[in-house]
Amino acid sequence: MSRILVTTPIPAPGMDILERAGQVDVRRLDYDGLRRASASGHYSVIVSQLRDRFDAPLLRDSSLIGISNYAVGFDNIDVAAATAAGITVANTPGVLTDSTADVAMLLMLATARRGVESDQFLRAGSFTGWEPELLLGSDVSGRTLGLAGFGRIARATARRALAFGMTVMFCPRPPGDRVVADDELGEFAGRVQHVSWSDLVTDSDFLSLHVPLSTSTHHLVNADVLAAMQRSAILINTARGPVVDEAALVTALRDGSIAAAGLDVYEHEPALATGLVELPNTVLLPHIGSATVSVRSEMARLCALNAAAMVGGVCPPHPVNPEAWGGAG
């Protein structure tokens, strides 16, 4: 029977599907342990998490046929190296669009209206009654939202923002650009404005990041970008932590170069840049963009089906690199 290594148990129905497909071992491993397990010949497929790093040296020595990542993103895996090694990588696409867009809106509202700060103020016993200038925030309705990227999550965020009466701009592939015709925009044609990356940065009241992590988007938001933003602007990141230079962000928030930041992801997750947690003009969430019962359950189902297919000698339903598939034989 094929053996599957699961680095962290996944929600129902995931584990049941895996156990029907093969022998399942659950082991939380550091990098060295993961490398040894991958090369051991004991496992054909690993069900991995974003914190599990599969770099070129690990993959080169691996005897795996597949990695089923419990995530939509797969920047923890060197896909080119996996393909060269004949290892198929699979993910869980199309599942968390709405839940992550909800969190983007949550971060906009919470930062603009100082929601966390107000909650802490009340719990500390500081609320003595209504005051004309108590914890004044900024408006959301009527403001301009700039979307860095315009994929599924960005579009779902745009849909919500338009319902709030916001003006929505987007740059589809920052820091570069590409032509986006009205037929591609669909429901958003005439309702959102396509602008350059530089204009998005300077003209947005809220700058929300929706790009995958790549060489071109690493530190997309750096000290220069933060300096070019409006002093009243708010940065929102539900994409990937390294898209933002977190140390530069701390400096900008301290200096008042921008007004606030709402983050669900971090550059060196789970560690945070020095000084970030002390800043009152931040809302910091522990990577909960997909954290609803229904979404995590569906992610688990897709992840397990990917793994079960591979141990059964079938190309998984959601391969990232289908060209790598060679089967169990």
C-alpha atoms as a PDB file:
ATOM      1  CA  MET A   1       0.000   0.000   0.000  1.00  0.00           C
ATOM      2  CA  SER A   2       1.270   3.479  -0.877  1.00  0.00           C
ATOM      3  CA  ARG A   3       2.397   5.635   2.021  1.00  0.00           C
ATOM      4  CA  ILE A   4       1.380   9.260   2.420  1.00  0.00           C
ATOM      5  CA  LEU A   5       3.166  11.668   4.730  1.00  0.00           C
ATOM      6  CA  VAL A   6       0.949  14.380   6.225  1.00  0.00           C
ATOM      7  CA  THR A   7       2.920  17.152   7.905  1.00  0.00           C
ATOM      8  CA  THR A   8      -0.153  18.467   9.764  1.00  0.00           C
ATOM      9  CA  PRO A   9      -3.589  16.818  10.029  1.00  0.00           C
ATOM     10  CA  ILE A  10      -6.100  18.484   7.711  1.00  0.00           C
ATOM     11  CA  PRO A  11      -9.826  18.963   8.464  1.00  0.00           C
ATOM     12  CA  ALA A  12     -12.583  16.534   7.563  1.00  0.00           C
ATOM     13  CA  PRO A  13     -13.139  14.991   5.119  1.00  0.00           C
ATOM     14  CA  GLY A  14      -9.453  15.164   4.193  1.00  0.00           C
ATOM     15  CA  MET A  15      -7.960  12.596   6.540  1.00  0.00           C
ATOM     16  CA  ASP A  16     -10.684  10.025   5.778  1.00  0.00           C
ATOM     17  CA  ILE A  17     -10.017  10.334   2.036  1.00  0.00           C
ATOM     18  CA  LEU A  18      -6.278   9.941   2.600  1.00  0.00           C
ATOM     19  CA  GLU A  19      -6.660   6.909   4.844  1.00  0.00           C
ATOM     20  CA  ARG A  20      -8.781   5.189   2.217  1.00  0.00           C
ATOM     21  CA  ALA A  21      -6.088   5.866  -0.369  1.00  0.00           C
ATOM     22  CA  GLY A  22      -3.061   4.533   1.466  1.00  0.00           C
ATOM     23  CA  GLN A  23      -1.117   4.253   4.696  1.00  0.00           C
ATOM     24  CA  VAL A  24      -0.967   7.677   6.331  1.00  0.00           C
ATOM     25  CA  ASP A  25       1.796   8.879   8.635  1.00  0.00           C
ATOM     26  CA  VAL A  26       1.337  12.221  10.409  1.00  0.00           C
ATOM     27  CA  ARG A  27       4.650  13.845  11.302  1.00  0.00           C
ATOM     28  CA  ARG A  28       5.415  17.511  11.833  1.00  0.00           C
ATOM     29  CA  LEU A  29       8.972  17.958  10.562  1.00  0.00           C
ATOM     30  CA  ASP A  30      11.566  20.704  10.322  1.00  0.00           C
ATOM     31  CA  TYR A  31      13.412  21.220   7.052  1.00  0.00           C
ATOM     32  CA  ASP A  32      16.032  18.549   7.713  1.00  0.00           C
ATOM     33  CA  GLY A  33      13.385  16.037   8.735  1.00  0.00           C
ATOM     34  CA  LEU A  34      11.343  16.834   5.647  1.00  0.00           C
ATOM     35  CA  ARG A  35      14.388  16.373   3.448  1.00  0.00           C
ATOM     36  CA  ARG A  36      15.169  12.980   4.993  1.00  0.00           C
ATOM     37  CA  ALA A  37      11.554  11.836   4.689  1.00  0.00           C
ATOM     38  CA  SER A  38      11.365  12.950   1.055  1.00  0.00           C
ATOM     39  CA  ALA A  39      14.515  11.029   0.181  1.00  0.00           C
ATOM     40  CA  SER A  40      13.763   7.955   2.284  1.00  0.00           C
ATOM     41  CA  GLY A  41      11.746   6.054  -0.297  1.00  0.00           C
ATOM     42  CA  HIS A  42       9.077   5.423   2.356  1.00  0.00           C
ATOM     43  CA  TYR A  43       6.605   7.915   0.926  1.00  0.00           C
ATOM     44  CA  SER A  44       5.204   8.469  -2.537  1.00  0.00           C
ATOM     45  CA  VAL A  45       3.245  11.655  -1.727  1.00  0.00           C
ATOM     46  CA  ILE A  46       3.526  14.370   0.907  1.00  0.00           C
ATOM     47  CA  VAL A  47       0.543  16.457   1.988  1.00  0.00           C
ATOM     48  CA  SER A  48       2.233  19.742   2.855  1.00  0.00           C
ATOM     49  CA  GLN A  49       1.552  23.114   4.435  1.00  0.00           C
ATOM     50  CA  LEU A  50       2.813  26.563   3.442  1.00  0.00           C
ATOM     51  CA  ARG A  51       5.442  26.422   6.182  1.00  0.00           C
ATOM     52  CA  ASP A  52       6.976  23.275   4.615  1.00  0.00           C
ATOM     53  CA  ARG A  53       9.823  24.390   2.342  1.00  0.00           C
ATOM     54  CA  PHE A  54      10.635  22.286  -0.705  1.00  0.00           C
ATOM     55  CA  ASP A  55      13.689  23.864  -2.300  1.00  0.00           C
ATOM     56  CA  ALA A  56      15.873  22.595  -5.135  1.00  0.00           C
ATOM     57  CA  PRO A  57      18.342  20.589  -2.981  1.00  0.00           C
ATOM     58  CA  LEU A  58      15.504  18.785  -1.194  1.00  0.00           C
ATOM     59  CA  LEU A  59      13.629  18.044  -4.405  1.00  0.00           C
ATOM     60  CA  ARG A  60      16.739  16.891  -6.256  1.00  0.00           C
ATOM     61  CA  ASP A  61      17.307  14.151  -3.661  1.00  0.00           C
ATOM     62  CA  SER A  62      13.634  13.235  -3.304  1.00  0.00           C
ATOM     63  CA  SER A  63      12.000   9.930  -4.228  1.00  0.00           C
ATOM     64  CA  LEU A  64       8.484  11.419  -4.164  1.00  0.00           C
ATOM     65  CA  ILE A  65       6.059  11.319  -7.069  1.00  0.00           C
ATOM     66  CA  GLY A  66       3.928  14.159  -5.744  1.00  0.00           C
ATOM     67  CA  ILE A  67       3.358  16.975  -3.268  1.00  0.00           C
ATOM     68  CA  SER A  68      -0.215  17.994  -2.468  1.00  0.00           C
ATOM     69  CA  ASN A  69      -0.080  21.472  -0.959  1.00  0.00           C
ATOM     70  CA  TYR A  70      -2.882  22.390   1.445  1.00  0.00           C
ATOM     71  CA  ALA A  71      -3.156  25.879  -0.050  1.00  0.00           C
ATOM     72  CA  VAL A  72      -3.937  27.750  -3.224  1.00  0.00           C
ATOM     73  CA  GLY A  73      -0.459  29.328  -3.215  1.00  0.00           C
ATOM     74  CA  PHE A  74       2.649  27.224  -3.681  1.00  0.00           C
ATOM     75  CA  ASP A  75       5.532  29.657  -3.207  1.00  0.00           C
ATOM     76  CA  ASN A  76       6.909  27.269  -0.562  1.00  0.00           C
ATOM     77  CA  ILE A  77       7.753  24.848  -3.389  1.00  0.00           C
ATOM     78  CA  ASP A  78      10.347  25.329  -6.116  1.00  0.00           C
ATOM     79  CA  VAL A  79       8.038  24.165  -8.900  1.00  0.00           C
ATOM     80  CA  ALA A  80      10.740  24.262 -11.581  1.00  0.00           C
ATOM     81  CA  ALA A  81      12.953  21.999  -9.466  1.00  0.00           C
ATOM     82  CA  ALA A  82      10.006  19.700  -8.744  1.00  0.00           C
ATOM     83  CA  THR A  83       9.257  19.431 -12.463  1.00  0.00           C
ATOM     84  CA  ALA A  84      12.894  18.641 -13.232  1.00  0.00           C
ATOM     85  CA  ALA A  85      12.757  15.882 -10.621  1.00  0.00           C
ATOM     86  CA  GLY A  86       9.514  14.460 -12.021  1.00  0.00           C
ATOM     87  CA  ILE A  87       7.528  15.476  -8.945  1.00  0.00           C
ATOM     88  CA  THR A  88       3.980  16.690  -9.525  1.00  0.00           C
ATOM     89  CA  VAL A  89       2.797  19.589  -7.369  1.00  0.00           C
ATOM     90  CA  ALA A  90      -0.929  20.038  -6.719  1.00  0.00           C
ATOM     91  CA  ASN A  91      -2.890  22.779  -4.962  1.00  0.00           C
ATOM     92  CA  THR A  92      -6.452  23.761  -3.988  1.00  0.00           C
ATOM     93  CA  PRO A  93      -7.539  26.516  -6.401  1.00  0.00           C
ATOM     94  CA  GLY A  94     -10.832  28.407  -6.580  1.00  0.00           C
ATOM     95  CA  VAL A  95     -11.835  27.774  -2.980  1.00  0.00           C
ATOM     96  CA  LEU A  96     -10.952  30.778  -0.851  1.00  0.00           C
ATOM     97  CA  THR A  97     -11.778  33.704  -3.131  1.00  0.00           C
ATOM     98  CA  ASP A  98     -14.747  35.064  -1.180  1.00  0.00           C
ATOM     99  CA  SER A  99     -13.340  34.363   2.275  1.00  0.00           C
ATOM    100  CA  THR A 100     -10.107  36.215   1.502  1.00  0.00           C
ATOM    101  CA  ALA A 101     -11.973  39.127  -0.086  1.00  0.00           C
ATOM    102  CA  ASP A 102     -14.067  39.323   3.090  1.00  0.00           C
ATOM    103  CA  VAL A 103     -10.868  39.604   5.140  1.00  0.00           C
ATOM    104  CA  ALA A 104      -9.539  42.334   2.843  1.00  0.00           C
ATOM    105  CA  MET A 105     -12.704  44.334   3.514  1.00  0.00           C
ATOM    106  CA  LEU A 106     -12.467  43.541   7.220  1.00  0.00           C
ATOM    107  CA  LEU A 107      -8.946  44.967   7.300  1.00  0.00           C
ATOM    108  CA  MET A 108     -10.033  48.099   5.424  1.00  0.00           C
ATOM    109  CA  LEU A 109     -12.890  48.749   7.810  1.00  0.00           C
ATOM    110  CA  ALA A 110     -10.943  47.862  10.950  1.00  0.00           C
ATOM    111  CA  THR A 111      -7.977  50.081  10.098  1.00  0.00           C
ATOM    112  CA  ALA A 112      -9.997  53.039   8.819  1.00  0.00           C
ATOM    113  CA  ARG A 113     -12.450  53.023  11.732  1.00  0.00           C
ATOM    114  CA  ARG A 114      -9.825  52.018  14.339  1.00  0.00           C
ATOM    115  CA  GLY A 115     -11.861  48.970  15.295  1.00  0.00           C
ATOM    116  CA  VAL A 116      -9.206  47.024  17.226  1.00  0.00           C
ATOM    117  CA  GLU A 117      -7.919  50.137  18.955  1.00  0.00           C
ATOM    118  CA  SER A 118     -11.463  51.062  19.985  1.00  0.00           C
ATOM    119  CA  ASP A 119     -12.132  47.566  21.308  1.00  0.00           C
ATOM    120  CA  GLN A 120      -8.964  47.688  23.416  1.00  0.00           C
ATOM    121  CA  PHE A 121      -9.845  51.198  24.644  1.00  0.00           C
ATOM    122  CA  LEU A 122     -13.229  50.011  25.910  1.00  0.00           C
ATOM    123  CA  ARG A 123     -11.911  46.793  27.474  1.00  0.00           C
ATOM    124  CA  ALA A 124      -9.275  48.790  29.340  1.00  0.00           C
ATOM    125  CA  GLY A 125     -12.035  50.753  31.078  1.00  0.00           C
ATOM    126  CA  SER A 126     -11.152  54.000  29.312  1.00  0.00           C
ATOM    127  CA  PHE A 127     -14.628  54.644  27.865  1.00  0.00           C
ATOM    128  CA  THR A 128     -16.384  57.239  30.010  1.00  0.00           C
ATOM    129  CA  GLY A 129     -19.018  58.281  27.493  1.00  0.00           C
ATOM    130  CA  TRP A 130     -19.489  59.710  24.040  1.00  0.00           C
ATOM    131  CA  GLU A 131     -17.048  62.469  23.086  1.00  0.00           C
ATOM    132  CA  PRO A 132     -17.026  64.572  19.886  1.00  0.00           C
ATOM    133  CA  GLU A 133     -13.478  63.606  18.931  1.00  0.00           C
ATOM    134  CA  LEU A 134     -13.129  60.167  20.503  1.00  0.00           C
ATOM    135  CA  LEU A 135     -11.172  57.749  18.275  1.00  0.00           C
ATOM    136  CA  LEU A 136     -11.919  59.526  15.024  1.00  0.00           C
ATOM    137  CA  GLY A 137     -11.147  57.410  11.971  1.00  0.00           C
ATOM    138  CA  SER A 138     -11.383  57.850   8.232  1.00  0.00           C
ATOM    139  CA  ASP A 139     -14.162  57.126   5.753  1.00  0.00           C
ATOM    140  CA  VAL A 140     -14.370  54.006   3.620  1.00  0.00           C
ATOM    141  CA  SER A 141     -17.403  54.861   1.502  1.00  0.00           C
ATOM    142  CA  GLY A 142     -16.530  57.390  -1.158  1.00  0.00           C
ATOM    143  CA  ARG A 143     -12.800  56.658  -0.969  1.00  0.00           C
ATOM    144  CA  THR A 144     -10.539  55.173  -3.649  1.00  0.00           C
ATOM    145  CA  LEU A 145      -9.443  51.564  -3.487  1.00  0.00           C
ATOM    146  CA  GLY A 146      -6.395  50.599  -5.522  1.00  0.00           C
ATOM    147  CA  LEU A 147      -6.039  46.900  -6.317  1.00  0.00           C
ATOM    148  CA  ALA A 148      -2.556  45.587  -7.056  1.00  0.00           C
ATOM    149  CA  GLY A 149      -3.457  42.658  -9.297  1.00  0.00           C
ATOM    150  CA  PHE A 150      -6.879  41.875 -10.708  1.00  0.00           C
ATOM    151  CA  GLY A 151      -7.370  38.146 -10.344  1.00  0.00           C
ATOM    152  CA  ARG A 152     -10.208  36.322  -8.633  1.00  0.00           C
ATOM    153  CA  ILE A 153      -9.650  37.646  -5.112  1.00  0.00           C
ATOM    154  CA  ALA A 154      -9.048  41.212  -6.287  1.00  0.00           C
ATOM    155  CA  ARG A 155     -12.251  41.088  -8.351  1.00  0.00           C
ATOM    156  CA  ALA A 156     -14.220  39.760  -5.378  1.00  0.00           C
ATOM    157  CA  THR A 157     -12.785  42.598  -3.294  1.00  0.00           C
ATOM    158  CA  ALA A 158     -13.747  45.101  -6.010  1.00  0.00           C
ATOM    159  CA  ARG A 159     -17.309  43.782  -5.981  1.00  0.00           C
ATOM    160  CA  ARG A 160     -17.537  44.410  -2.236  1.00  0.00           C
ATOM    161  CA  ALA A 161     -15.871  47.817  -2.450  1.00  0.00           C
ATOM    162  CA  LEU A 162     -18.253  49.011  -5.181  1.00  0.00           C
ATOM    163  CA  ALA A 163     -21.158  48.054  -2.925  1.00  0.00           C
ATOM    164  CA  PHE A 164     -19.604  50.314  -0.279  1.00  0.00           C
ATOM    165  CA  GLY A 165     -19.643  53.198  -2.741  1.00  0.00           C
ATOM    166  CA  MET A 166     -15.883  53.203  -3.272  1.00  0.00           C
ATOM    167  CA  THR A 167     -14.067  54.214  -6.430  1.00  0.00           C
ATOM    168  CA  VAL A 168     -12.030  51.233  -7.615  1.00  0.00           C
ATOM    169  CA  MET A 169      -8.798  51.321  -9.625  1.00  0.00           C
ATOM    170  CA  PHE A 170      -6.546  48.427 -10.528  1.00  0.00           C
ATOM    171  CA  CYS A 171      -3.172  47.581 -12.023  1.00  0.00           C
ATOM    172  CA  PRO A 172      -3.361  44.020 -13.369  1.00  0.00           C
ATOM    173  CA  ARG A 173       0.283  42.989 -13.168  1.00  0.00           C
ATOM    174  CA  PRO A 174       2.372  45.340 -11.031  1.00  0.00           C
ATOM    175  CA  PRO A 175       5.042  46.560 -11.213  1.00  0.00           C
ATOM    176  CA  GLY A 176       4.438  46.000 -14.939  1.00  0.00           C
ATOM    177  CA  ASP A 177       1.207  46.287 -16.878  1.00  0.00           C
ATOM    178  CA  ARG A 178      -0.767  44.709 -19.706  1.00  0.00           C
ATOM    179  CA  VAL A 179      -3.792  45.535 -21.823  1.00  0.00           C
ATOM    180  CA  VAL A 180      -7.144  44.568 -20.278  1.00  0.00           C
ATOM    181  CA  ALA A 181     -10.068  44.760 -22.709  1.00  0.00           C
ATOM    182  CA  ASP A 182     -13.656  45.426 -21.651  1.00  0.00           C
ATOM    183  CA  ASP A 183     -14.725  41.889 -22.515  1.00  0.00           C
ATOM    184  CA  GLU A 184     -12.138  40.562 -20.049  1.00  0.00           C
ATOM    185  CA  LEU A 185     -13.438  42.939 -17.368  1.00  0.00           C
ATOM    186  CA  GLY A 186     -16.970  41.590 -17.787  1.00  0.00           C
ATOM    187  CA  GLU A 187     -19.194  42.924 -15.007  1.00  0.00           C
ATOM    188  CA  PHE A 188     -16.511  45.482 -14.082  1.00  0.00           C
ATOM    189  CA  ALA A 189     -16.342  47.180 -17.485  1.00  0.00           C
ATOM    190  CA  GLY A 190     -17.018  50.867 -16.986  1.00  0.00           C
ATOM    191  CA  ARG A 191     -17.068  50.433 -13.212  1.00  0.00           C
ATOM    192  CA  VAL A 192     -13.340  50.186 -12.456  1.00  0.00           C
ATOM    193  CA  GLN A 193     -10.383  52.133 -13.822  1.00  0.00           C
ATOM    194  CA  HIS A 194      -7.184  50.589 -15.185  1.00  0.00           C
ATOM    195  CA  VAL A 195      -4.153  52.668 -14.123  1.00  0.00           C
ATOM    196  CA  SER A 196      -0.388  52.311 -14.014  1.00  0.00           C
ATOM    197  CA  TRP A 197       1.366  50.986 -10.914  1.00  0.00           C
ATOM    198  CA  SER A 198       2.791  54.415 -10.121  1.00  0.00           C
ATOM    199  CA  ASP A 199      -0.651  56.046 -10.356  1.00  0.00           C
ATOM    200  CA  LEU A 200      -2.187  53.295  -8.242  1.00  0.00           C
ATOM    201  CA  VAL A 201       0.390  53.953  -5.536  1.00  0.00           C
ATOM    202  CA  THR A 202      -0.036  57.724  -5.470  1.00  0.00           C
ATOM    203  CA  ASP A 203      -3.809  57.959  -5.950  1.00  0.00           C
ATOM    204  CA  SER A 204      -5.196  55.222  -3.679  1.00  0.00           C
ATOM    205  CA  ASP A 205      -6.714  55.867  -0.281  1.00  0.00           C
ATOM    206  CA  PHE A 206      -6.509  52.110   0.294  1.00  0.00           C
ATOM    207  CA  LEU A 207      -3.855  50.075  -1.520  1.00  0.00           C
ATOM    208  CA  SER A 208      -4.783  46.377  -1.384  1.00  0.00           C
ATOM    209  CA  LEU A 209      -2.316  43.721  -2.561  1.00  0.00           C
ATOM    210  CA  HIS A 210      -3.543  40.727  -4.587  1.00  0.00           C
ATOM    211  CA  VAL A 211      -0.467  39.453  -6.423  1.00  0.00           C
ATOM    212  CA  PRO A 212       1.319  36.094  -6.252  1.00  0.00           C
ATOM    213  CA  LEU A 213       4.806  36.047  -4.776  1.00  0.00           C
ATOM    214  CA  SER A 214       7.450  36.004  -7.489  1.00  0.00           C
ATOM    215  CA  THR A 215      10.810  37.569  -8.238  1.00  0.00           C
ATOM    216  CA  SER A 216       9.059  40.623  -9.672  1.00  0.00           C
ATOM    217  CA  THR A 217       6.657  41.069  -6.747  1.00  0.00           C
ATOM    218  CA  HIS A 218       9.107  40.447  -3.904  1.00  0.00           C
ATOM    219  CA  HIS A 219       9.185  43.763  -1.979  1.00  0.00           C
ATOM    220  CA  LEU A 220       6.765  45.237  -4.518  1.00  0.00           C
ATOM    221  CA  VAL A 221       5.893  47.637  -1.708  1.00  0.00           C
ATOM    222  CA  ASN A 222       9.231  48.987  -0.532  1.00  0.00           C
ATOM    223  CA  ALA A 223      10.441  52.202   1.071  1.00  0.00           C
ATOM    224  CA  ASP A 224      10.121  54.150  -2.188  1.00  0.00           C
ATOM    225  CA  VAL A 225       6.552  52.989  -2.774  1.00  0.00           C
ATOM    226  CA  LEU A 226       5.565  53.760   0.810  1.00  0.00           C
ATOM    227  CA  ALA A 227       7.055  57.255   0.473  1.00  0.00           C
ATOM    228  CA  ALA A 228       5.023  57.831  -2.704  1.00  0.00           C
ATOM    229  CA  MET A 229       1.705  56.894  -1.048  1.00  0.00           C
ATOM    230  CA  GLN A 230      -0.574  59.527   0.443  1.00  0.00           C
ATOM    231  CA  ARG A 231       0.050  60.207   4.125  1.00  0.00           C
ATOM    232  CA  SER A 232      -3.617  59.372   4.720  1.00  0.00           C
ATOM    233  CA  ALA A 233      -3.386  56.076   2.795  1.00  0.00           C
ATOM    234  CA  ILE A 234      -3.855  52.598   4.266  1.00  0.00           C
ATOM    235  CA  LEU A 235      -2.016  49.489   3.060  1.00  0.00           C
ATOM    236  CA  ILE A 236      -3.840  46.135   3.023  1.00  0.00           C
ATOM    237  CA  ASN A 237      -2.039  42.818   2.448  1.00  0.00           C
ATOM    238  CA  THR A 238      -3.874  39.495   2.148  1.00  0.00           C
ATOM    239  CA  ALA A 239      -1.524  38.146  -0.553  1.00  0.00           C
ATOM    240  CA  ARG A 240       1.929  37.024   0.599  1.00  0.00           C
ATOM    241  CA  GLY A 241       4.093  38.627   3.269  1.00  0.00           C
ATOM    242  CA  PRO A 242       7.296  39.136   1.239  1.00  0.00           C
ATOM    243  CA  VAL A 243       5.375  41.316  -1.227  1.00  0.00           C
ATOM    244  CA  VAL A 244       5.953  44.021   1.413  1.00  0.00           C
ATOM    245  CA  ASP A 245       9.291  45.126   2.850  1.00  0.00           C
ATOM    246  CA  GLU A 246       8.071  44.797   6.418  1.00  0.00           C
ATOM    247  CA  ALA A 247      10.943  46.717   8.029  1.00  0.00           C
ATOM    248  CA  ALA A 248      10.303  49.628   5.673  1.00  0.00           C
ATOM    249  CA  LEU A 249       6.605  49.423   6.512  1.00  0.00           C
ATOM    250  CA  VAL A 250       7.312  49.731  10.241  1.00  0.00           C
ATOM    251  CA  THR A 251       9.380  52.850   9.564  1.00  0.00           C
ATOM    252  CA  ALA A 252       6.657  54.369   7.374  1.00  0.00           C
ATOM    253  CA  LEU A 253       3.965  53.705   9.980  1.00  0.00           C
ATOM    254  CA  ARG A 254       6.088  55.183  12.765  1.00  0.00           C
ATOM    255  CA  ASP A 255       6.962  58.254  10.726  1.00  0.00           C
ATOM    256  CA  GLY A 256       3.415  58.837   9.517  1.00  0.00           C
ATOM    257  CA  SER A 257       4.364  58.369   5.866  1.00  0.00           C
ATOM    258  CA  ILE A 258       1.139  56.344   5.617  1.00  0.00           C
ATOM    259  CA  ALA A 259      -1.788  56.301   8.014  1.00  0.00           C
ATOM    260  CA  ALA A 260      -2.208  52.601   8.776  1.00  0.00           C
ATOM    261  CA  ALA A 261      -1.782  49.015   7.619  1.00  0.00           C
ATOM    262  CA  GLY A 262      -3.956  45.926   7.821  1.00  0.00           C
ATOM    263  CA  LEU A 263      -2.041  42.669   7.399  1.00  0.00           C
ATOM    264  CA  ASP A 264      -2.994  39.007   7.301  1.00  0.00           C
ATOM    265  CA  VAL A 265       0.405  37.784   6.038  1.00  0.00           C
ATOM    266  CA  TYR A 266       4.000  38.529   7.021  1.00  0.00           C
ATOM    267  CA  GLU A 267       7.402  38.593   5.411  1.00  0.00           C
ATOM    268  CA  HIS A 268       9.019  36.056   7.757  1.00  0.00           C
ATOM    269  CA  GLU A 269       5.855  34.367   8.970  1.00  0.00           C
ATOM    270  CA  PRO A 270       5.167  33.580  11.768  1.00  0.00           C
ATOM    271  CA  ALA A 271       7.786  36.099  12.948  1.00  0.00           C
ATOM    272  CA  LEU A 272       6.949  39.784  12.597  1.00  0.00           C
ATOM    273  CA  ALA A 273       9.276  42.681  11.897  1.00  0.00           C
ATOM    274  CA  THR A 274      10.624  44.347  15.014  1.00  0.00           C
ATOM    275  CA  GLY A 275       8.246  47.035  16.243  1.00  0.00           C
ATOM    276  CA  LEU A 276       5.224  46.028  14.174  1.00  0.00           C
ATOM    277  CA  VAL A 277       3.089  44.724  17.051  1.00  0.00           C
ATOM    278  CA  GLU A 278       3.644  47.889  19.086  1.00  0.00           C
ATOM    279  CA  LEU A 279       2.159  50.170  16.448  1.00  0.00           C
ATOM    280  CA  PRO A 280      -1.408  51.296  17.233  1.00  0.00           C
ATOM    281  CA  ASN A 281      -2.120  52.105  13.564  1.00  0.00           C
ATOM    282  CA  THR A 282      -2.074  48.457  12.503  1.00  0.00           C
ATOM    283  CA  VAL A 283      -4.561  45.602  12.430  1.00  0.00           C
ATOM    284  CA  LEU A 284      -2.687  42.288  12.442  1.00  0.00           C
ATOM    285  CA  LEU A 285      -4.389  38.968  11.733  1.00  0.00           C
ATOM    286  CA  PRO A 286      -2.748  35.501  11.943  1.00  0.00           C
ATOM    287  CA  HIS A 287      -3.135  34.461   8.280  1.00  0.00           C
ATOM    288  CA  ILE A 288      -6.872  33.730   8.501  1.00  0.00           C
ATOM    289  CA  GLY A 289      -7.878  34.653   4.946  1.00  0.00           C
ATOM    290  CA  SER A 290      -9.246  31.164   4.299  1.00  0.00           C
ATOM    291  CA  ALA A 291     -10.201  30.419   7.900  1.00  0.00           C
ATOM    292  CA  THR A 292     -13.855  29.487   7.694  1.00  0.00           C
ATOM    293  CA  VAL A 293     -15.123  26.003   8.450  1.00  0.00           C
ATOM    294  CA  SER A 294     -16.553  25.499   4.977  1.00  0.00           C
ATOM    295  CA  VAL A 295     -13.515  26.800   3.096  1.00  0.00           C
ATOM    296  CA  ARG A 296     -10.940  24.837   5.072  1.00  0.00           C
ATOM    297  CA  SER A 297     -13.071  21.708   4.708  1.00  0.00           C
ATOM    298  CA  GLU A 298     -13.248  22.116   0.935  1.00  0.00           C
ATOM    299  CA  MET A 299      -9.513  22.808   0.778  1.00  0.00           C
ATOM    300  CA  ALA A 300      -8.948  19.579   2.703  1.00  0.00           C
ATOM    301  CA  ARG A 301     -11.172  17.656   0.320  1.00  0.00           C
ATOM    302  CA  LEU A 302      -9.366  18.931  -2.777  1.00  0.00           C
ATOM    303  CA  CYS A 303      -5.949  18.439  -1.199  1.00  0.00           C
ATOM    304  CA  ALA A 304      -6.770  14.855  -0.217  1.00  0.00           C
ATOM    305  CA  LEU A 305      -8.229  14.055  -3.645  1.00  0.00           C
ATOM    306  CA  ASN A 306      -5.021  15.322  -5.244  1.00  0.00           C
ATOM    307  CA  ALA A 307      -2.922  13.071  -3.016  1.00  0.00           C
ATOM    308  CA  ALA A 308      -5.237  10.070  -3.437  1.00  0.00           C
ATOM    309  CA  ALA A 309      -5.114  10.392  -7.214  1.00  0.00           C
ATOM    310  CA  MET A 310      -1.332  10.467  -7.270  1.00  0.00           C
ATOM    311  CA  VAL A 311      -0.869   7.427  -5.034  1.00  0.00           C
ATOM    312  CA  GLY A 312      -3.430   5.693  -7.233  1.00  0.00           C
ATOM    313  CA  GLY A 313      -1.348   6.355 -10.327  1.00  0.00           C
ATOM    314  CA  VAL A 314      -3.584   9.089 -11.736  1.00  0.00           C
ATOM    315  CA  CYS A 315      -2.665  12.691 -12.483  1.00  0.00           C
ATOM    316  CA  PRO A 316      -4.235  14.832  -9.725  1.00  0.00           C
ATOM    317  CA  PRO A 317      -7.301  16.943 -10.537  1.00  0.00           C
ATOM    318  CA  HIS A 318      -5.496  20.196  -9.683  1.00  0.00           C
ATOM    319  CA  PRO A 319      -1.871  19.957 -10.831  1.00  0.00           C
ATOM    320  CA  VAL A 320       0.359  23.030 -10.828  1.00  0.00           C
ATOM    321  CA  ASN A 321       2.855  21.359 -13.186  1.00  0.00           C
ATOM    322  CA  PRO A 322       0.970  18.639 -15.099  1.00  0.00           C
ATOM    323  CA  GLU A 323       3.959  18.179 -17.397  1.00  0.00           C
ATOM    324  CA  ALA A 324       5.805  16.528 -14.479  1.00  0.00           C
ATOM    325  CA  TRP A 325       3.275  13.737 -14.069  1.00  0.00           C
ATOM    326  CA  GLY A 326       4.779  10.337 -14.649  1.00  0.00           C
ATOM    327  CA  GLY A 327       2.609   8.216 -12.374  1.00  0.00           C
ATOM    328  CA  ALA A 328       3.540   5.806  -9.670  1.00  0.00           C
ATOM    329  CA  GLY A 329       5.155   3.399 -12.073  1.00  0.00           C
END
